[in-house]
Protein backbone atom coordinates (compact mmCIF):
# COMPACT_ATOMS: atom_id res chain seq x y z
CA MET A 1 0.61 -82.31 -22.08
CA VAL A 2 4.09 -80.56 -21.80
CA ILE A 3 7.08 -80.56 -19.57
CA ARG A 4 8.73 -77.09 -20.83
CA HIS A 5 6.00 -74.93 -19.35
CA ASN A 6 3.91 -75.75 -16.43
CA MET A 7 1.20 -72.91 -16.97
CA LEU A 8 -1.05 -74.35 -13.87
CA ALA A 9 2.12 -73.72 -11.52
CA ALA A 10 2.98 -70.38 -13.20
CA ASN A 11 -0.52 -69.16 -12.65
CA ALA A 12 -0.97 -70.71 -8.95
CA GLY A 13 2.28 -69.11 -8.41
CA ARG A 14 1.54 -65.57 -9.50
CA GLN A 15 -1.78 -65.82 -7.70
CA LEU A 16 0.12 -66.87 -4.51
CA GLY A 17 2.60 -64.13 -4.80
CA MET A 18 -0.10 -61.67 -5.45
CA ALA A 19 -1.78 -62.81 -2.07
CA GLY A 20 1.64 -62.79 -0.27
CA ARG A 21 2.20 -59.29 -1.33
CA ASN A 22 -1.33 -58.22 -0.22
CA LYS A 23 -0.89 -59.94 3.25
CA ALA A 24 2.41 -58.01 3.61
CA ASP A 25 0.42 -54.96 2.79
CA SER A 26 -2.31 -55.68 5.13
CA THR A 27 0.01 -56.73 7.86
CA GLU A 28 1.98 -53.52 7.60
CA LYS A 29 -1.41 -51.51 7.77
CA LEU A 30 -2.63 -53.79 10.89
CA SER A 31 0.84 -53.33 12.83
CA SER A 32 1.52 -49.74 12.21
CA GLY A 33 -2.19 -48.58 12.64
CA TYR A 34 -1.91 -46.49 9.38
CA ARG A 35 -3.68 -46.97 6.13
CA ILE A 36 -1.02 -44.78 4.49
CA ASN A 37 2.44 -45.67 5.14
CA ARG A 38 3.97 -44.42 1.88
CA ALA A 39 2.96 -42.13 -1.00
CA ALA A 40 2.07 -45.09 -3.10
CA ASP A 41 -0.71 -46.29 -0.65
CA ASP A 42 -2.68 -43.15 -1.48
CA ALA A 43 -0.96 -40.14 -3.07
CA ALA A 44 -3.70 -37.80 -2.78
CA GLY A 45 -4.67 -38.87 0.81
CA LEU A 46 -1.13 -38.42 1.81
CA SER A 47 -1.00 -34.69 0.62
CA ILE A 48 -4.10 -33.73 2.47
CA SER A 49 -3.23 -35.85 5.46
CA GLU A 50 0.27 -34.06 5.59
CA LYS A 51 -1.55 -30.49 5.46
CA MET A 52 -3.83 -31.55 8.11
CA ARG A 53 -1.09 -32.76 10.27
CA ARG A 54 1.05 -29.60 9.89
CA GLN A 55 -2.06 -27.54 10.76
CA ILE A 56 -2.92 -29.91 13.81
CA ARG A 57 0.72 -29.74 15.33
CA GLY A 58 0.96 -25.60 14.63
CA LEU A 59 -2.36 -25.29 16.41
CA LYS A 60 -1.35 -27.42 19.20
CA GLN A 61 2.04 -25.00 19.41
CA GLY A 62 -0.40 -22.25 19.15
CA VAL A 63 -2.27 -23.44 22.15
CA LYS A 64 1.00 -23.51 24.15
CA ASN A 65 2.03 -20.11 23.05
CA THR A 66 -1.39 -18.85 24.02
CA GLN A 67 -1.28 -20.54 27.59
CA GLU A 68 1.91 -18.64 27.90
CA GLY A 69 0.18 -15.30 26.81
CA VAL A 70 -2.39 -16.22 29.78
CA SER A 71 0.57 -16.57 32.22
CA VAL A 72 1.99 -12.89 31.18
CA CYS A 73 -1.59 -11.47 31.67
CA GLN A 74 -1.65 -13.28 35.64
CA VAL A 75 1.87 -11.94 36.11
CA ALA A 76 1.16 -8.70 34.83
CA ASP A 77 -2.05 -8.38 36.85
CA GLY A 78 -0.46 -9.83 40.15
CA ALA A 79 2.01 -6.98 39.73
CA LEU A 80 -0.68 -4.37 39.27
CA VAL A 81 -2.59 -5.83 42.49
CA GLU A 82 0.24 -4.19 44.48
CA VAL A 83 0.37 -1.03 42.48
CA SER A 84 -3.17 -0.52 43.05
CA ASP A 85 -2.91 -1.14 46.82
CA MET A 86 -0.05 1.41 47.16
CA ILE A 87 -2.12 3.87 45.20
CA GLN A 88 -4.86 3.31 47.48
CA ARG A 89 -2.38 3.82 50.38
CA ILE A 90 -1.07 7.15 48.52
CA SER A 91 -4.69 8.33 48.65
CA GLU A 92 -5.16 7.41 52.23
CA LEU A 93 -2.12 9.21 53.25
CA SER A 94 -2.92 12.44 51.32
CA ILE A 95 -6.31 12.69 52.97
CA LYS A 96 -4.57 12.17 56.15
CA SER A 97 -1.91 15.08 55.62
CA ALA A 98 -4.71 17.40 54.55
CA ASN A 99 -6.22 17.29 57.90
CA GLY A 100 -5.42 20.64 59.90
CA THR A 101 -4.48 18.72 63.18
CA ASN A 102 -1.19 17.62 61.61
CA THR A 103 2.02 19.51 62.24
CA GLU A 104 4.73 20.06 59.86
CA GLU A 105 6.78 17.35 61.29
CA ASP A 106 3.76 14.95 60.97
CA ARG A 107 3.42 15.81 57.09
CA ALA A 108 6.89 15.26 56.65
CA TYR A 109 6.65 11.55 57.97
CA ILE A 110 3.64 11.18 55.84
CA GLN A 111 5.60 12.42 53.12
CA GLN A 112 8.63 10.00 53.58
CA GLU A 113 5.99 6.95 53.31
CA VAL A 114 4.58 8.61 50.21
CA GLY A 115 7.99 8.80 48.63
CA GLN A 116 8.73 5.20 49.50
CA LEU A 117 5.41 4.12 47.94
CA ILE A 118 6.06 5.76 44.80
CA THR A 119 9.89 4.31 44.63
CA GLU A 120 8.33 1.15 44.94
CA ILE A 121 5.94 1.44 42.20
CA ASP A 122 8.74 2.31 39.85
CA ARG A 123 10.71 -0.65 41.14
CA ILE A 124 7.57 -2.88 40.23
CA ALA A 125 7.42 -1.16 36.77
CA GLU A 126 11.23 -1.50 35.97
CA THR A 127 11.45 -5.11 37.26
CA THR A 128 8.54 -7.02 36.71
CA THR A 129 9.32 -9.64 34.00
CA PHE A 130 8.17 -12.79 32.04
CA ASN A 131 10.95 -14.86 30.83
CA GLU A 132 13.27 -12.15 31.42
CA ILE A 133 11.06 -9.85 29.18
CA LYS A 134 9.98 -6.47 31.01
CA LEU A 135 6.01 -5.92 31.21
CA PHE A 136 6.07 -2.43 32.23
CA ASP A 137 8.78 -0.68 30.45
CA GLY A 138 7.03 1.96 28.21
CA LEU A 139 9.07 4.95 27.26
CA GLU A 140 8.06 8.34 28.71
CA SER A 141 5.95 11.21 26.69
CA PHE A 142 7.72 13.48 24.11
CA GLY A 143 4.91 16.03 24.87
CA GLY A 144 1.66 13.82 24.28
CA GLY A 145 0.48 12.23 21.13
CA THR A 146 1.67 8.58 20.33
CA ILE A 147 4.58 6.80 21.68
CA ASN A 148 6.47 3.56 20.73
CA MET A 149 4.99 0.54 22.27
CA SER A 150 7.71 -2.44 21.38
CA LYS A 151 11.02 -2.86 19.83
CA PRO A 152 10.13 -2.46 15.92
CA SER A 153 10.43 -5.67 13.72
CA THR A 154 12.65 -5.53 10.60
CA ASP A 155 11.87 -8.94 9.78
CA GLY A 156 9.46 -7.89 6.43
CA LYS A 157 10.03 -8.81 3.08
CA PHE A 158 11.58 -5.28 2.27
CA PHE A 159 13.94 -5.85 4.87
CA GLN A 160 14.88 -9.49 3.72
CA LEU A 161 15.56 -8.27 0.04
CA PHE A 162 18.65 -5.89 1.39
CA GLY A 163 19.74 -8.27 3.94
CA ASN A 164 22.93 -6.87 5.60
CA ASP A 165 22.91 -4.04 3.49
CA ILE A 166 20.09 -2.02 5.05
CA SER A 167 20.05 -0.37 8.72
CA LYS A 168 18.15 -2.99 10.53
CA THR A 169 18.74 -1.53 14.24
CA GLY A 170 14.98 -0.55 13.96
CA TYR A 171 15.94 2.98 15.18
CA MET A 172 17.16 5.96 13.06
CA GLN A 173 20.29 6.46 14.72
CA GLU A 174 23.01 6.92 12.33
CA ALA A 175 24.67 10.15 11.90
CA LEU A 176 24.01 12.30 8.79
CA THR A 177 25.52 15.24 7.41
CA HIS A 178 25.44 17.55 4.50
CA THR A 179 28.58 16.31 3.39
CA MET A 180 27.44 12.55 3.11
CA VAL A 181 24.86 13.12 0.38
CA ASP A 182 24.53 14.27 -3.13
CA ALA A 183 20.95 15.52 -2.67
CA SER A 184 18.32 15.68 0.00
CA THR A 185 14.59 16.26 0.15
CA SER A 186 15.23 19.31 2.72
CA THR A 187 18.02 21.64 3.25
CA LEU A 188 20.81 20.05 5.50
CA ASP A 189 22.60 22.46 7.86
CA THR A 190 26.07 23.26 6.55
CA ASP A 191 27.13 24.78 9.81
CA PRO A 192 30.40 22.51 11.06
CA ALA A 193 29.13 22.73 14.74
CA ALA A 194 25.65 21.67 13.79
CA ASN A 195 24.60 18.51 15.37
CA PRO A 196 24.09 15.63 12.84
CA TYR A 197 20.61 14.38 11.76
CA VAL A 198 19.86 10.58 12.66
CA SER A 199 19.16 8.58 9.58
CA VAL A 200 19.28 5.11 8.23
CA HIS A 201 20.79 3.78 4.96
CA ILE A 202 19.68 1.32 2.18
CA LYS A 203 22.06 0.14 -0.18
CA MET A 204 19.93 -0.06 -3.38
CA ASN A 205 22.47 -1.36 -5.71
CA VAL A 206 22.50 -4.69 -3.95
CA LEU A 207 19.17 -5.84 -5.70
CA ASN A 208 19.71 -7.55 -9.14
CA ASP A 209 16.14 -6.17 -10.23
CA LEU A 210 14.70 -3.19 -8.57
CA LYS A 211 11.31 -4.28 -9.46
CA ASP A 212 11.23 -6.78 -6.61
CA LEU A 213 10.51 -3.68 -4.50
CA VAL A 214 6.91 -3.74 -6.05
CA ASP A 215 4.21 -4.34 -3.15
CA THR A 216 7.00 -3.91 -0.48
CA THR A 217 6.60 -1.58 2.41
CA PHE A 218 8.46 -0.06 5.50
CA PHE A 219 7.29 2.50 8.20
CA VAL A 220 9.34 5.29 9.47
CA ASN A 221 8.63 7.98 12.31
CA CYS A 222 10.40 10.79 13.42
CA CYS A 223 11.84 11.61 16.94
CA THR A 224 8.57 13.50 18.36
CA ASP A 225 6.31 10.58 17.68
CA CYS A 226 4.20 12.74 15.77
CA CYS A 227 4.39 11.97 12.00
CA PRO A 228 4.69 8.47 11.40
CA SER A 229 4.48 7.40 7.62
CA THR A 230 4.09 4.39 5.76
CA VAL A 231 6.33 3.99 2.56
CA VAL A 232 4.91 1.69 -0.20
CA PHE A 233 6.69 0.68 -3.49
CA THR A 234 4.04 0.13 -6.33
CA ASP A 235 3.61 -1.01 -9.81
CA THR A 236 2.89 2.45 -10.96
CA ALA A 237 4.74 5.76 -12.01
CA GLY A 238 5.57 8.59 -10.02
CA VAL A 239 5.55 9.51 -6.36
CA THR A 240 2.46 10.47 -4.29
CA SER A 241 2.76 11.79 -0.73
CA VAL A 242 -0.03 12.59 1.72
CA PRO A 243 0.35 12.67 5.65
CA GLY A 244 0.88 9.41 6.69
CA ARG A 245 1.75 7.66 3.50
CA ILE A 246 4.29 7.69 0.78
CA GLU A 247 3.83 5.87 -2.65
CA ILE A 248 6.59 5.49 -4.53
CA GLY A 249 6.10 4.10 -8.24
CA MET A 250 8.62 1.74 -9.79
CA LYS A 251 7.90 2.55 -13.37
CA LYS A 252 9.44 5.50 -15.46
CA GLY A 253 7.11 7.54 -17.40
CA ASP A 254 7.57 5.30 -20.46
CA GLY A 255 6.36 2.28 -18.52
CA SER A 256 9.61 0.66 -18.19
CA TYR A 257 10.96 -0.15 -14.57
CA PHE A 258 13.98 1.50 -12.90
CA ASN A 259 16.99 -0.45 -12.85
CA ASP A 260 19.61 1.65 -12.10
CA ALA A 261 19.95 2.35 -8.12
CA THR A 262 21.39 5.77 -8.45
CA GLU A 263 18.87 6.96 -10.99
CA PHE A 264 16.08 5.49 -8.88
CA ASN A 265 17.50 7.29 -5.74
CA LYS A 266 17.54 10.46 -7.58
CA TYR A 267 14.06 10.09 -8.78
CA ILE A 268 12.78 9.38 -5.07
CA VAL A 269 14.65 12.66 -3.80
CA ASP A 270 13.55 14.92 -6.72
CA SER A 271 10.06 14.06 -6.65
CA LEU A 272 9.68 14.54 -2.67
CA GLN A 273 11.45 17.68 -2.76
CA GLY A 274 8.71 19.99 -1.45
CA ASN A 275 6.17 17.54 -1.67
CA ASP A 276 6.77 15.57 1.69
CA PRO A 277 4.49 16.68 4.66
CA SER A 278 6.44 14.64 7.25
CA HIS A 279 9.26 14.94 9.37
CA VAL A 280 10.86 12.08 7.96
CA LYS A 281 13.01 13.07 4.71
CA PHE A 282 15.08 11.34 1.99
CA ALA A 283 18.67 11.87 0.55
CA TYR A 284 21.14 9.97 -1.60
CA LYS A 285 24.67 9.29 -2.30
CA GLY A 286 25.16 7.65 -5.43
CA GLU A 287 23.62 4.11 -5.06
CA THR A 288 22.98 4.48 -1.17
CA LEU A 289 19.44 5.90 -0.07
CA PHE A 290 19.05 7.57 3.40
CA ILE A 291 16.18 8.33 5.25
CA TYR A 292 16.46 10.99 8.05
CA ASP A 293 14.67 13.03 10.65
CA ILE A 294 14.50 16.64 9.70
CA ASP A 295 15.23 17.97 13.31
CA ASN A 296 18.97 18.24 13.99
CA HIS A 297 19.78 18.71 17.53
CA SER A 298 21.45 16.88 20.69
CA TRP A 299 19.40 13.81 20.45
CA THR A 300 18.79 11.97 23.60
CA GLN A 301 18.73 8.36 23.54
CA ASP A 302 14.76 8.17 24.05
CA GLN A 303 14.25 10.32 20.93
CA LYS A 304 16.51 8.11 18.66
CA GLU A 305 14.20 5.11 19.92
CA ALA A 306 11.28 6.97 18.91
CA ALA A 307 12.52 7.52 15.33
CA TYR A 308 11.51 4.08 14.12
CA PHE A 309 12.49 2.32 10.98
CA CYS A 310 10.62 -0.84 10.69
CA ASP A 311 8.00 -3.06 9.25
CA SER A 312 4.76 -1.76 10.55
CA LYS A 313 2.86 1.02 12.28
CA GLU A 314 1.32 -1.20 14.70
CA ILE A 315 3.86 -0.92 17.18
CA PHE A 316 2.38 2.63 18.03
CA GLY A 317 -0.60 3.57 20.23
CA ASN A 318 -1.81 6.02 22.62
CA PHE A 319 0.61 7.13 25.25
CA GLU A 320 -1.73 6.37 28.06
CA ASP A 321 -1.78 2.82 26.78
CA ALA A 322 1.92 2.84 26.01
CA GLY A 323 4.22 -0.01 27.58
CA LYS A 324 5.08 -3.49 26.46
CA LYS A 325 3.35 -5.16 23.64
CA ILE A 326 3.98 -8.62 23.20
CA TRP A 327 2.72 -10.65 20.08
CA ILE A 328 1.13 -14.12 21.02
CA HIS A 329 1.29 -16.25 18.05
CA THR A 330 -1.97 -18.47 18.26
CA GLY A 331 -2.37 -19.90 15.02
CA CYS A 332 -0.26 -21.87 12.47
CA GLU A 333 -0.46 -19.04 9.98
CA PRO A 334 1.61 -16.06 9.62
CA GLY A 335 -0.26 -12.93 11.42
CA GLU A 336 -2.50 -15.28 13.03
CA GLY A 337 -2.22 -14.14 16.72
CA ILE A 338 -3.03 -11.32 19.43
CA TRP A 339 -1.16 -8.50 20.51
CA LEU A 340 -1.05 -8.21 24.27
CA GLU A 341 -0.98 -4.59 25.44
CA ILE A 342 0.21 -4.44 29.04
CA GLY A 343 0.73 -0.80 29.94
CA ASN A 344 3.15 1.78 31.20
CA MET A 345 2.93 1.51 35.11
CA SER A 346 5.88 3.84 36.19
CA ALA A 347 5.03 6.49 38.55
CA GLN A 348 5.78 9.09 35.85
CA SER A 349 3.27 7.68 33.57
CA LEU A 350 0.75 7.53 36.39
CA GLY A 351 1.21 10.95 37.07
CA ILE A 352 2.40 10.43 40.86
CA LYS A 353 6.28 10.81 40.37
CA SER A 354 6.45 14.15 41.99
CA LEU A 355 3.62 13.98 44.67
CA ASP A 356 4.30 16.16 47.63
CA VAL A 357 1.85 15.79 50.67
CA SER A 358 4.04 18.05 53.04
CA SER A 359 1.37 20.98 52.80
CA GLU A 360 -2.35 20.93 52.65
CA ASN A 361 -2.47 22.08 49.23
CA GLY A 362 0.00 19.41 48.01
CA ALA A 363 -2.13 16.99 49.79
CA GLY A 364 -5.35 18.49 47.85
CA VAL A 365 -3.32 17.75 44.38
CA ALA A 366 -1.91 14.11 45.61
CA MET A 367 -5.75 13.23 46.18
CA ASP A 368 -6.75 14.13 42.58
CA ALA A 369 -3.47 12.52 41.01
CA SER A 370 -3.86 9.35 42.93
CA LYS A 371 -7.54 9.25 41.79
CA ASP A 372 -6.50 9.58 38.42
CA ALA A 373 -3.52 7.24 39.00
CA LEU A 374 -5.87 4.50 40.32
CA ARG A 375 -8.19 5.12 37.26
CA LYS A 376 -5.36 4.41 34.94
CA VAL A 377 -4.17 1.42 36.71
CA MET A 378 -8.04 0.23 36.76
CA LYS A 379 -8.40 0.67 32.99
CA THR A 380 -4.91 -1.39 32.56
CA ARG A 381 -6.13 -4.36 34.80
CA SER A 382 -9.37 -4.54 33.10
CA ARG A 383 -7.75 -4.31 29.53
CA ILE A 384 -5.38 -7.31 30.75
CA GLY A 385 -8.22 -9.07 32.07
CA ALA A 386 -10.24 -8.80 29.05
CA GLN A 387 -7.15 -9.96 26.93
CA GLN A 388 -6.97 -13.02 29.28
CA ASN A 389 -10.34 -13.94 28.76
CA ARG A 390 -9.87 -13.64 25.11
CA LEU A 391 -6.87 -15.84 25.08
CA GLU A 392 -8.78 -18.63 27.02
CA HIS A 393 -11.59 -18.59 24.41
CA THR A 394 -8.64 -18.97 21.91
CA ILE A 395 -7.29 -21.98 23.63
CA ALA A 396 -10.98 -23.45 23.81
CA ASN A 397 -11.41 -22.88 20.11
CA GLU A 398 -8.17 -24.05 18.80
CA ASP A 399 -8.37 -27.44 21.12
CA ASN A 400 -11.84 -27.76 19.34
CA ILE A 401 -10.38 -27.20 15.75
CA VAL A 402 -7.54 -29.61 16.90
CA GLU A 403 -9.95 -32.37 17.75
CA ASN A 404 -12.00 -32.12 14.58
CA LEU A 405 -8.99 -32.17 12.34
CA SER A 406 -7.55 -34.87 14.34
CA ALA A 407 -10.72 -36.81 13.41
CA ALA A 408 -10.62 -35.89 9.93
CA GLU A 409 -7.08 -36.82 9.46
CA SER A 410 -7.51 -40.17 11.06
CA ARG A 411 -10.51 -40.98 8.64
CA ILE A 412 -7.91 -40.49 5.74
CA ARG A 413 -4.66 -41.77 7.50
CA ASP A 414 -5.62 -44.49 9.87
CA THR A 415 -6.38 -47.83 9.38
CA ASP A 416 -10.02 -49.19 10.04
CA ILE A 417 -8.90 -52.17 11.84
CA ALA A 418 -12.08 -54.12 11.72
CA THR A 419 -12.33 -53.69 7.92
CA GLU A 420 -8.69 -54.59 7.59
CA MET A 421 -9.02 -57.75 9.52
CA VAL A 422 -11.54 -59.05 7.29
CA ARG A 423 -9.35 -58.35 4.33
CA PHE A 424 -6.60 -59.87 6.20
CA SER A 425 -8.39 -63.03 6.87
CA ASN A 426 -9.56 -63.06 3.47
CA ILE A 427 -5.98 -62.81 1.94
CA SER A 428 -4.83 -65.44 4.38
CA ILE A 429 -7.30 -68.00 3.12
CA LEU A 430 -6.40 -67.08 -0.57
CA GLU A 431 -2.72 -67.68 0.34
CA GLN A 432 -3.32 -71.06 1.78
CA ALA A 433 -5.65 -72.07 -1.33
CA GLY A 434 -2.73 -70.68 -3.69
CA THR A 435 -0.20 -72.92 -1.46
CA SER A 436 -2.33 -76.10 -2.17
CA MET A 437 -2.95 -75.22 -5.72
CA LEU A 438 0.72 -74.52 -6.51
CA ALA A 439 1.50 -77.74 -4.82
CA GLN A 440 -0.81 -79.82 -6.88
CA ALA A 441 0.25 -77.96 -10.27
CA ASN A 442 3.91 -79.03 -9.37
CA GLN A 443 2.68 -82.46 -9.38
CA GLN A 444 1.41 -82.19 -13.14
CA PRO A 445 4.51 -83.20 -14.68
CA ASN A 446 4.84 -86.29 -12.83
CA TYR A 447 1.78 -87.54 -14.57
CA ILE A 448 3.72 -87.44 -17.79
CA LEU A 449 6.14 -90.34 -16.54
CA GLN A 450 3.14 -92.48 -16.49
CA LEU A 451 2.93 -92.19 -20.34
CA LEU A 452 6.53 -92.86 -20.63
CA GLN A 453 6.50 -96.01 -18.60
């Protein structure tokens, strides 16, 4: 028997301390409802749970986004109901005007109503909005073909690399003349009275390493909307050009990478001279690369806005379907979403802008035009309705995913109350027993006094 070390008390105290810590841990889990309250509780489980939480919260926001997309479709379809009714009325008035019992004065009155209906169709096309976003503001045709459907994005990797040292308007509308460049892939007009070309610029020298351009891309289009091109920077040597695509290799002939901006710009221009089938051309001035449209004339704003410089050709589509194209981000990862194609419902796009029913021949033309216009409206409404149904299926699917992911995350993160209560009761008993044993162990040195008496 010793009095310097009371090992019984030390052991009982250690066990009591462990029981106290375990009880505190169990109490925290029971009171918070979480099995994992800190990384130390389950490091791997916490990592998995956090990834699931990000996905769950992202999908919940995606569902809200999709619901807004459904609302966009409903607003657009509601506006088209009225457009459809007005076209039906124009058709009715055209048939009325074609009747030989009408006088010129009668047809003038009929034409007056037709004119008002056409004006109202244009007003609806111009003013129908969702959250101040116009839904039917597609550009007019430049002679057929394709047409831009939404404002181009300049948020891709290529544009991020250059930041403010690149044109980010989305439009090729900067003036370019022959005096501004060292060389170009086409012969620029040297007449001082000539109209400038439209262009964009890229300051290539801002990159610390030109190799960063590998696998980046951008998209350009000319003013007539007829020759869009995708430009891709590759981990190869040489420049290849085919209709619709230009690939620019970042390697020299010896396998090393270009690292001088002026040399690289000269390499691009020299390689594409006489080897570029598109209207979109390249020029350079030292370390600045220019991209320009081969046509130099008096540019209208619409033509400038058709000459795009952006991330992707996905903004283009058939003119008949042109109009606002709205991205609905439905998922929790980049690119997970749906493009809503609304349509261009102006009187011009519907082919009824200049209807004149003040004569029998004009009334006949108006009948055919109103029939075609109604077909276009019905086609657009059908597409909008199909997109709305698709969005509603997306909502149902993502709600189901959120539910299942939440269940999986709960199994990892949440406390099983029944199991934890059993553990808590066990720890409480051990704590009480430990307290009792510690009290008895602390009495052990008192027994030595009996030997000293």
